[in-house]
Amino acid sequence: VDCKHCPAGRSCPGTGRSTTLSCSVGHYCPSGTLSATEHPCPPGSYTNNTNLRSAEECSTCPQGFACGWGTDLLDVPPLNCAQGHYCPPGTPSSTS
């Protein structure tokens, strides 16, 4: 059997399969990823792309917003900065 490691930017659910899937928005998939949601973009970042290979490829959360784990612009959008708080780029919590 010629087993291959799941390529970066993709997920490979199950063993013994040749099918690869796109990574989920808000997530990245380093080589060997099993689930499309295994690696969420870290707090303070987000992505709408589905082929990220590392956390460094996640985009910095924009000024005026906060981005928690696995933020994207559709399902888990950035939160508005809480009233009375300042949210510079890369803010992980709306009350930071």
N, C-alpha and C. Protein backbone atom coordinates (compact mmCIF):
# COMPACT_ATOMS: atom_id res chain seq x y z
N VAL A 1 0.86 -1.18 0.00
CA VAL A 1 0.00 0.00 0.00
C VAL A 1 0.90 1.24 0.00
N ASP A 2 0.57 2.18 -0.86
CA ASP A 2 1.35 3.41 -0.99
C ASP A 2 0.59 4.54 -0.30
N CYS A 3 0.77 4.67 1.02
CA CYS A 3 0.07 5.70 1.79
C CYS A 3 0.73 7.05 1.58
N LYS A 4 -0.09 8.09 1.48
CA LYS A 4 0.41 9.45 1.31
C LYS A 4 -0.13 10.31 2.44
N HIS A 5 0.70 11.24 2.88
CA HIS A 5 0.30 12.19 3.91
C HIS A 5 -0.69 13.18 3.30
N CYS A 6 -1.71 13.57 4.04
CA CYS A 6 -2.68 14.55 3.56
C CYS A 6 -1.94 15.87 3.29
N PRO A 7 -2.13 16.47 2.11
CA PRO A 7 -1.39 17.70 1.79
C PRO A 7 -1.87 18.91 2.60
N ALA A 8 -0.97 19.83 2.84
CA ALA A 8 -1.32 21.08 3.53
C ALA A 8 -2.36 21.83 2.70
N GLY A 9 -3.28 22.49 3.39
CA GLY A 9 -4.35 23.23 2.73
C GLY A 9 -5.58 22.39 2.48
N ARG A 10 -5.53 21.10 2.82
CA ARG A 10 -6.65 20.17 2.62
C ARG A 10 -6.85 19.35 3.89
N SER A 11 -8.01 18.71 4.00
CA SER A 11 -8.24 17.77 5.10
C SER A 11 -8.56 16.41 4.49
N CYS A 12 -8.24 15.37 5.23
CA CYS A 12 -8.42 14.00 4.74
C CYS A 12 -9.16 13.19 5.81
N PRO A 13 -10.49 13.25 5.79
CA PRO A 13 -11.25 12.51 6.80
C PRO A 13 -11.15 11.01 6.59
N GLY A 14 -10.99 10.29 7.68
CA GLY A 14 -10.91 8.84 7.60
C GLY A 14 -9.55 8.36 7.15
N THR A 15 -9.31 7.07 7.29
CA THR A 15 -8.05 6.50 6.84
C THR A 15 -8.31 5.64 5.61
N GLY A 16 -7.29 5.50 4.81
CA GLY A 16 -7.42 4.65 3.63
C GLY A 16 -8.21 5.28 2.50
N ARG A 17 -8.42 6.58 2.54
CA ARG A 17 -9.18 7.25 1.49
C ARG A 17 -8.26 8.16 0.69
N SER A 18 -8.59 8.31 -0.57
CA SER A 18 -7.79 9.20 -1.41
C SER A 18 -8.46 10.56 -1.59
N THR A 19 -9.66 10.72 -1.06
CA THR A 19 -10.39 11.98 -1.20
C THR A 19 -9.89 13.01 -0.21
N THR A 20 -9.65 14.22 -0.70
CA THR A 20 -9.29 15.33 0.17
C THR A 20 -10.40 16.36 0.10
N LEU A 21 -10.58 17.10 1.18
CA LEU A 21 -11.62 18.13 1.24
C LEU A 21 -10.98 19.48 1.53
N SER A 22 -11.68 20.52 1.13
CA SER A 22 -11.23 21.87 1.46
C SER A 22 -11.28 22.07 2.96
N CYS A 23 -10.41 22.91 3.44
CA CYS A 23 -10.44 23.33 4.83
C CYS A 23 -11.68 24.22 5.01
N SER A 24 -12.26 24.28 6.18
CA SER A 24 -13.41 25.14 6.43
C SER A 24 -12.98 26.60 6.57
N VAL A 25 -13.87 27.54 6.20
CA VAL A 25 -13.56 28.95 6.42
C VAL A 25 -13.33 29.15 7.91
N GLY A 26 -12.42 30.05 8.27
CA GLY A 26 -12.09 30.27 9.67
C GLY A 26 -11.05 29.30 10.21
N HIS A 27 -10.53 28.43 9.34
CA HIS A 27 -9.60 27.38 9.75
C HIS A 27 -8.44 27.26 8.77
N TYR A 28 -7.39 26.58 9.20
CA TYR A 28 -6.25 26.27 8.34
C TYR A 28 -5.96 24.78 8.48
N CYS A 29 -5.32 24.21 7.48
CA CYS A 29 -5.06 22.77 7.47
C CYS A 29 -3.60 22.47 7.15
N PRO A 30 -2.76 22.29 8.18
CA PRO A 30 -1.38 21.87 7.91
C PRO A 30 -1.37 20.43 7.39
N SER A 31 -0.27 20.01 6.86
CA SER A 31 -0.12 18.65 6.35
C SER A 31 -0.56 17.63 7.41
N GLY A 32 -1.36 16.66 7.00
CA GLY A 32 -1.81 15.61 7.91
C GLY A 32 -3.12 15.91 8.62
N THR A 33 -3.80 16.98 8.27
CA THR A 33 -5.07 17.36 8.92
C THR A 33 -6.17 16.35 8.58
N LEU A 34 -6.88 15.89 9.61
CA LEU A 34 -7.95 14.91 9.41
C LEU A 34 -9.32 15.57 9.26
N SER A 35 -9.58 16.63 10.00
CA SER A 35 -10.89 17.29 9.98
C SER A 35 -10.74 18.72 9.45
N ALA A 36 -11.70 19.16 8.64
CA ALA A 36 -11.66 20.50 8.04
C ALA A 36 -11.76 21.61 9.09
N THR A 37 -12.17 21.25 10.31
CA THR A 37 -12.31 22.23 11.40
C THR A 37 -11.33 21.96 12.55
N GLU A 38 -10.33 21.16 12.30
CA GLU A 38 -9.36 20.76 13.33
C GLU A 38 -8.51 21.92 13.85
N HIS A 39 -8.16 22.86 12.98
CA HIS A 39 -7.26 23.96 13.35
C HIS A 39 -7.91 25.32 13.07
N PRO A 40 -8.61 25.89 14.07
CA PRO A 40 -9.22 27.20 13.85
C PRO A 40 -8.17 28.32 13.82
N CYS A 41 -8.44 29.36 13.03
CA CYS A 41 -7.56 30.53 13.08
C CYS A 41 -7.56 31.03 14.51
N PRO A 42 -6.41 31.44 15.03
CA PRO A 42 -6.32 31.87 16.43
C PRO A 42 -7.04 33.21 16.67
N PRO A 43 -7.37 33.48 17.93
CA PRO A 43 -8.01 34.76 18.27
C PRO A 43 -7.18 35.93 17.75
N GLY A 44 -7.88 36.94 17.25
CA GLY A 44 -7.22 38.10 16.68
C GLY A 44 -7.01 37.98 15.19
N SER A 45 -7.49 36.87 14.60
CA SER A 45 -7.35 36.66 13.16
C SER A 45 -8.61 36.00 12.61
N TYR A 46 -8.71 35.95 11.27
CA TYR A 46 -9.86 35.35 10.61
C TYR A 46 -9.46 34.92 9.20
N THR A 47 -10.34 34.17 8.52
CA THR A 47 -10.17 33.89 7.10
C THR A 47 -11.48 33.45 6.49
N ASN A 48 -11.67 33.79 5.22
CA ASN A 48 -12.77 33.27 4.42
C ASN A 48 -12.25 32.28 3.39
N ASN A 49 -10.93 32.12 3.33
CA ASN A 49 -10.33 31.18 2.38
C ASN A 49 -10.46 29.76 2.89
N THR A 50 -10.37 28.81 1.97
CA THR A 50 -10.52 27.40 2.35
C THR A 50 -9.29 26.57 2.03
N ASN A 51 -8.16 27.22 1.80
CA ASN A 51 -6.96 26.45 1.44
C ASN A 51 -5.73 26.87 2.25
N LEU A 52 -5.95 27.45 3.44
CA LEU A 52 -4.83 27.89 4.26
C LEU A 52 -4.03 26.71 4.79
N ARG A 53 -2.70 26.87 4.87
CA ARG A 53 -1.80 25.81 5.32
C ARG A 53 -1.30 26.01 6.74
N SER A 54 -1.36 27.26 7.23
CA SER A 54 -0.83 27.54 8.57
C SER A 54 -1.56 28.73 9.18
N ALA A 55 -1.43 28.87 10.50
CA ALA A 55 -2.06 29.97 11.22
C ALA A 55 -1.55 31.32 10.74
N GLU A 56 -0.31 31.35 10.27
CA GLU A 56 0.27 32.60 9.79
C GLU A 56 -0.45 33.14 8.55
N GLU A 57 -1.18 32.29 7.86
CA GLU A 57 -1.92 32.71 6.67
C GLU A 57 -3.28 33.32 7.01
N CYS A 58 -3.73 33.19 8.25
CA CYS A 58 -4.98 33.83 8.68
C CYS A 58 -4.76 35.34 8.66
N SER A 59 -5.78 36.10 8.29
CA SER A 59 -5.66 37.56 8.22
C SER A 59 -5.87 38.18 9.59
N THR A 60 -5.23 39.32 9.81
CA THR A 60 -5.36 40.06 11.06
C THR A 60 -6.76 40.65 11.15
N CYS A 61 -7.39 40.50 12.29
CA CYS A 61 -8.72 41.05 12.52
C CYS A 61 -8.65 42.57 12.30
N PRO A 62 -9.64 43.15 11.59
CA PRO A 62 -9.57 44.59 11.31
C PRO A 62 -9.83 45.47 12.54
N GLN A 63 -9.32 46.69 12.47
CA GLN A 63 -9.54 47.67 13.55
C GLN A 63 -11.04 47.89 13.76
N GLY A 64 -11.44 48.00 15.03
CA GLY A 64 -12.84 48.22 15.38
C GLY A 64 -13.62 46.94 15.59
N PHE A 65 -12.94 45.80 15.40
CA PHE A 65 -13.59 44.49 15.54
C PHE A 65 -12.73 43.57 16.39
N ALA A 66 -13.34 42.49 16.85
CA ALA A 66 -12.65 41.45 17.60
C ALA A 66 -12.93 40.11 16.94
N CYS A 67 -11.92 39.26 16.87
CA CYS A 67 -12.03 37.95 16.23
C CYS A 67 -11.60 36.87 17.21
N GLY A 68 -12.53 35.98 17.56
CA GLY A 68 -12.22 34.85 18.43
C GLY A 68 -11.70 33.67 17.61
N TRP A 69 -11.68 32.48 18.22
CA TRP A 69 -11.23 31.26 17.53
C TRP A 69 -12.10 30.99 16.31
N GLY A 70 -11.49 30.69 15.18
CA GLY A 70 -12.21 30.24 13.98
C GLY A 70 -13.11 31.27 13.34
N THR A 71 -12.73 32.55 13.42
CA THR A 71 -13.57 33.60 12.84
C THR A 71 -13.46 33.63 11.32
N ASP A 72 -14.62 33.85 10.67
CA ASP A 72 -14.67 34.08 9.23
C ASP A 72 -15.64 35.25 9.02
N LEU A 73 -16.00 35.55 7.82
CA LEU A 73 -16.91 36.68 7.60
C LEU A 73 -18.36 36.24 7.38
N LEU A 74 -18.63 34.92 7.44
CA LEU A 74 -19.97 34.41 7.17
C LEU A 74 -20.61 33.77 8.40
N ASP A 75 -20.09 32.62 8.82
CA ASP A 75 -20.69 31.85 9.91
C ASP A 75 -20.32 32.36 11.30
N VAL A 76 -19.09 32.80 11.47
CA VAL A 76 -18.59 33.30 12.76
C VAL A 76 -17.93 34.65 12.49
N PRO A 77 -18.74 35.70 12.25
CA PRO A 77 -18.17 36.99 11.86
C PRO A 77 -17.46 37.70 13.01
N PRO A 78 -16.55 38.63 12.67
CA PRO A 78 -15.91 39.44 13.71
C PRO A 78 -16.97 40.22 14.49
N LEU A 79 -16.71 40.41 15.77
CA LEU A 79 -17.65 41.15 16.63
C LEU A 79 -17.28 42.62 16.65
N ASN A 80 -18.28 43.49 16.68
CA ASN A 80 -18.00 44.91 16.86
C ASN A 80 -17.34 45.12 18.20
N CYS A 81 -16.44 46.06 18.27
CA CYS A 81 -15.78 46.40 19.52
C CYS A 81 -16.84 46.88 20.50
N ALA A 82 -16.77 46.46 21.74
CA ALA A 82 -17.74 46.86 22.76
C ALA A 82 -17.64 48.36 23.03
N GLN A 83 -18.78 48.96 23.32
CA GLN A 83 -18.81 50.40 23.61
C GLN A 83 -17.86 50.72 24.75
N GLY A 84 -17.08 51.77 24.56
CA GLY A 84 -16.12 52.18 25.59
C GLY A 84 -14.79 51.47 25.51
N HIS A 85 -14.62 50.59 24.52
CA HIS A 85 -13.37 49.85 24.35
C HIS A 85 -12.75 50.19 23.01
N TYR A 86 -11.45 50.08 22.92
CA TYR A 86 -10.70 50.32 21.69
C TYR A 86 -10.20 48.99 21.17
N CYS A 87 -10.47 48.70 19.90
CA CYS A 87 -10.04 47.44 19.31
C CYS A 87 -9.10 47.72 18.13
N PRO A 88 -7.79 47.74 18.37
CA PRO A 88 -6.83 47.89 17.29
C PRO A 88 -6.82 46.61 16.43
N PRO A 89 -6.17 46.63 15.27
CA PRO A 89 -6.07 45.42 14.46
C PRO A 89 -5.51 44.25 15.28
N GLY A 90 -6.10 43.07 15.10
CA GLY A 90 -5.62 41.87 15.80
C GLY A 90 -6.24 41.66 17.17
N THR A 91 -7.32 42.38 17.49
CA THR A 91 -7.96 42.25 18.80
C THR A 91 -8.70 40.90 18.91
N PRO A 92 -8.46 40.13 20.00
CA PRO A 92 -9.09 38.84 20.16
C PRO A 92 -10.45 38.88 20.88
N SER A 93 -10.75 39.93 21.61
CA SER A 93 -11.99 40.01 22.40
C SER A 93 -12.57 41.42 22.31
N SER A 94 -13.88 41.53 22.19
CA SER A 94 -14.52 42.85 22.02
C SER A 94 -14.40 43.74 23.23
N THR A 95 -13.96 43.18 24.36
CA THR A 95 -13.78 43.98 25.58
C THR A 95 -12.31 44.06 25.98
N SER A 96 -11.40 43.82 25.03
CA SER A 96 -9.96 43.89 25.32
C SER A 96 -9.52 45.33 25.48
